[in-house]
Amino acid sequence: MKRLFCLLLCVLMVFGAIGCASTGEPAEPEGEALFAPGTYTGYGQGFYLGEPIKVDVTVMRILL
């Protein structure tokens, strides 16, 4: 009974691995961009000692 259970579990794991495998290169999504490409800068106040924080984010392409 234990061997049958182990065999069944192995078969299920194999099918699970096959189902999650990628099938090649992903297709390029098409849609409207959320942000224009460029660099965005944000400022805030840090938690520790209230030091100022500057964050720069560069957007190449983000789709909806």
C-alpha atoms as a PDB file:
ATOM      1  CA  MET A   1       0.000   0.000   0.000  1.00  0.00           C
ATOM      2  CA  LYS A   2       2.870   2.377   0.801  1.00  0.00           C
ATOM      3  CA  ARG A   3       4.507   1.648  -2.547  1.00  0.00           C
ATOM      4  CA  LEU A   4       1.288   2.352  -4.415  1.00  0.00           C
ATOM      5  CA  PHE A   5       0.888   5.628  -2.553  1.00  0.00           C
ATOM      6  CA  CYS A   6       4.506   6.606  -3.307  1.00  0.00           C
ATOM      7  CA  LEU A   7       4.106   5.705  -6.979  1.00  0.00           C
ATOM      8  CA  LEU A   8       0.909   7.746  -7.225  1.00  0.00           C
ATOM      9  CA  LEU A   9       2.600  10.688  -5.519  1.00  0.00           C
ATOM     10  CA  CYS A  10       5.569  10.502  -7.924  1.00  0.00           C
ATOM     11  CA  VAL A  11       3.265  10.422 -10.946  1.00  0.00           C
ATOM     12  CA  LEU A  12       1.366  13.455  -9.650  1.00  0.00           C
ATOM     13  CA  MET A  13       4.615  15.350  -9.077  1.00  0.00           C
ATOM     14  CA  VAL A  14       5.799  14.559 -12.614  1.00  0.00           C
ATOM     15  CA  PHE A  15       2.532  15.807 -14.106  1.00  0.00           C
ATOM     16  CA  GLY A  16       2.746  18.899 -11.925  1.00  0.00           C
ATOM     17  CA  ALA A  17       6.269  19.636 -13.140  1.00  0.00           C
ATOM     18  CA  ILE A  18       5.235  19.139 -16.754  1.00  0.00           C
ATOM     19  CA  GLY A  19       2.231  21.432 -16.311  1.00  0.00           C
ATOM     20  CA  CYS A  20       4.370  24.244 -14.893  1.00  0.00           C
ATOM     21  CA  ALA A  21       7.061  24.052 -17.574  1.00  0.00           C
ATOM     22  CA  SER A  22       7.403  27.013 -19.918  1.00  0.00           C
ATOM     23  CA  THR A  23       6.631  26.470 -23.580  1.00  0.00           C
ATOM     24  CA  GLY A  24       9.082  28.928 -25.108  1.00  0.00           C
ATOM     25  CA  GLU A  25       9.490  32.674 -25.082  1.00  0.00           C
ATOM     26  CA  PRO A  26       6.583  34.646 -23.649  1.00  0.00           C
ATOM     27  CA  ALA A  27       4.552  36.700 -26.093  1.00  0.00           C
ATOM     28  CA  GLU A  28       5.009  40.447 -26.029  1.00  0.00           C
ATOM     29  CA  PRO A  29       1.929  41.908 -24.314  1.00  0.00           C
ATOM     30  CA  GLU A  30       0.061  44.587 -26.173  1.00  0.00           C
ATOM     31  CA  GLY A  31      -1.766  47.390 -24.472  1.00  0.00           C
ATOM     32  CA  GLU A  32      -1.678  50.961 -23.327  1.00  0.00           C
ATOM     33  CA  ALA A  33       1.272  52.043 -21.188  1.00  0.00           C
ATOM     34  CA  LEU A  34       0.610  53.207 -17.618  1.00  0.00           C
ATOM     35  CA  PHE A  35       3.600  55.558 -17.470  1.00  0.00           C
ATOM     36  CA  ALA A  36       5.631  57.321 -20.105  1.00  0.00           C
ATOM     37  CA  PRO A  37       9.198  55.996 -20.357  1.00  0.00           C
ATOM     38  CA  GLY A  38      11.633  58.070 -18.342  1.00  0.00           C
ATOM     39  CA  THR A  39      13.042  58.584 -14.858  1.00  0.00           C
ATOM     40  CA  TYR A  40      10.765  59.489 -11.963  1.00  0.00           C
ATOM     41  CA  THR A  41      12.051  60.884  -8.663  1.00  0.00           C
ATOM     42  CA  GLY A  42      10.301  60.741  -5.300  1.00  0.00           C
ATOM     43  CA  TYR A  43      11.235  62.221  -1.941  1.00  0.00           C
ATOM     44  CA  GLY A  44      10.214  61.158   1.546  1.00  0.00           C
ATOM     45  CA  GLN A  45      11.203  61.142   5.170  1.00  0.00           C
ATOM     46  CA  GLY A  46      12.988  58.126   6.613  1.00  0.00           C
ATOM     47  CA  PHE A  47      11.784  56.272   9.690  1.00  0.00           C
ATOM     48  CA  TYR A  48      15.128  56.185  11.467  1.00  0.00           C
ATOM     49  CA  LEU A  49      16.153  59.701  12.629  1.00  0.00           C
ATOM     50  CA  GLY A  50      13.816  61.239  10.019  1.00  0.00           C
ATOM     51  CA  GLU A  51      16.514  61.472   7.388  1.00  0.00           C
ATOM     52  CA  PRO A  52      15.403  62.513   3.898  1.00  0.00           C
ATOM     53  CA  ILE A  53      15.132  59.750   1.289  1.00  0.00           C
ATOM     54  CA  LYS A  54      15.361  60.146  -2.477  1.00  0.00           C
ATOM     55  CA  VAL A  55      14.125  57.364  -4.779  1.00  0.00           C
ATOM     56  CA  ASP A  56      14.743  57.288  -8.541  1.00  0.00           C
ATOM     57  CA  VAL A  57      12.747  54.895 -10.718  1.00  0.00           C
ATOM     58  CA  THR A  58      13.491  54.384 -14.407  1.00  0.00           C
ATOM     59  CA  VAL A  59      10.549  53.189 -16.484  1.00  0.00           C
ATOM     60  CA  MET A  60      11.298  51.486 -19.764  1.00  0.00           C
ATOM     61  CA  ARG A  61       7.853  50.075 -20.576  1.00  0.00           C
ATOM     62  CA  ILE A  62       4.916  49.162 -18.356  1.00  0.00           C
ATOM     63  CA  LEU A  63       1.729  47.828 -19.841  1.00  0.00           C
ATOM     64  CA  LEU A  64      -1.751  47.749 -18.447  1.00  0.00           C
END
